[in-house]
């Protein structure tokens, strides 16, 4: 929401607020307009740090996902995140930023214009709010990167690497960029016309990647052995390390979305910490009661669920609201991750069960817990705001989910027909690390380090590869 306020301030004459911006954003924009014009060094310093924090989240995600897959595909999983950094950066700088945050094209709030293709017209002196526009664009880039990378968890172990690279480029332009314009740009229809609130990307990032991940999971089909073999995480220490880096980076993700070193950023940071902790505890309580054990994987997953849920609401709710939202996400998602077995879709690393579900929870519950002290105007049902805001939040979630699912399925279908998206059966059984990258992550006495054929230990036949304990089915 504050992102749109900053853009609105930079585009409007001094002392005015664009009429299309809703009241909550207008209040924030008026405050920013009253401040001295030009770059604020404190705000700029904070956003520089926040941008670095959010970029760190993608390598953190790579470790988080890498630890959750079986040992034979860990490098491939990590590579899917790292290549997303490169591909999305190029796409964003060439066209993505202009289409997402350029002046609205056509006045419908659907897409930005082509004014800034290749970052044309943006100089070190250009200002968005109180920070350099080039910094604002880079901050938004890091959001686009991790959103694309998140989708990879839904198709772990079975996607062709080249097809993933092509998908990431096309998906960023056709799915992420329009949704970012709808929600973050001052003329976007979800923000300006619908009036839904999303402080840091519950719809743009979480619901978007969850719906897109579901589309690809259905398109590619389940992994070989799904529902028959135990596909346990091969390295829980990697999962926990990745979760810790994600948690650390999330402070930049959420508090950085205030676009300033101010009280709102501090409140968003505290809400982020509170919700992450509540989500962790909620998941562990369910595990202990249901399964008899509180697990490290559950702790990591619960923390992420809480952090996901507070992403849209960290700038709209008070501390009590943050705790309730985080707790609700941890509890609900601990059950939601098992839906894939009931309904038969192989969401390998629970992109749907955690990111979609928690993102929807956090976005919808703004309609209950939003406070005027945080939003500058809009209030939720529990603070005297009625049911209207809840309805707007539901429409926003539904619109993003349907659009992301439909367009992603279309992109995936086209890539499958043109170049093949699903990896071959032999490659999947052998492991994508060896089959695609000619490398292996570990020496189990089976696979050699480094490039195939150059290590001291050579690769053995696929039958030996499959003998690793992480590939075995659960005992009766």
Foldseek 3Di string as FASTA:
>chain_A
DLLQLLQQLLPDDQQDGDPLFDQLSRLSNNVLSVDDDEADPQLQVLLVVLLVLLLLLLLLVLLQLLQFFAQQASVVLSVLLVLLLVLLVVLLQQALVQFQAACCPPLPQQTHDRCQGNHPPADQRRGRRRYRPVSVSSSVSSLLSVLLSLLCLQVPLWWAPVLSSVLSNVCSRQFLSRLSSLQRHSSRCLRRPLNAFFQQALLSRQQLSLLLSLLVLVVQAAAVCVVNAFGGRHHLVSSLSSLVSNLSSLLSRALVSNSGDDDLSVQLSLLLVLLLVLQLVLLQVCCCVPPVGRDSNLNSLSSLLSNLLCRRPSLFAGNVLSNVLSNVSNNQLSVQQCVCVVVVGCRPNCSNSRRNVSSLSSRLCSQAGGDCVRSVDAHHPVHPRPNSNNVSSVVSSVVSSVSSNVVSSVSSVVSCVPPRTTDDPVCSLQGVCCVPVQAGDDPPVAPFHDHAPPGPRHHDDSVVSCPPVSNGGDDD
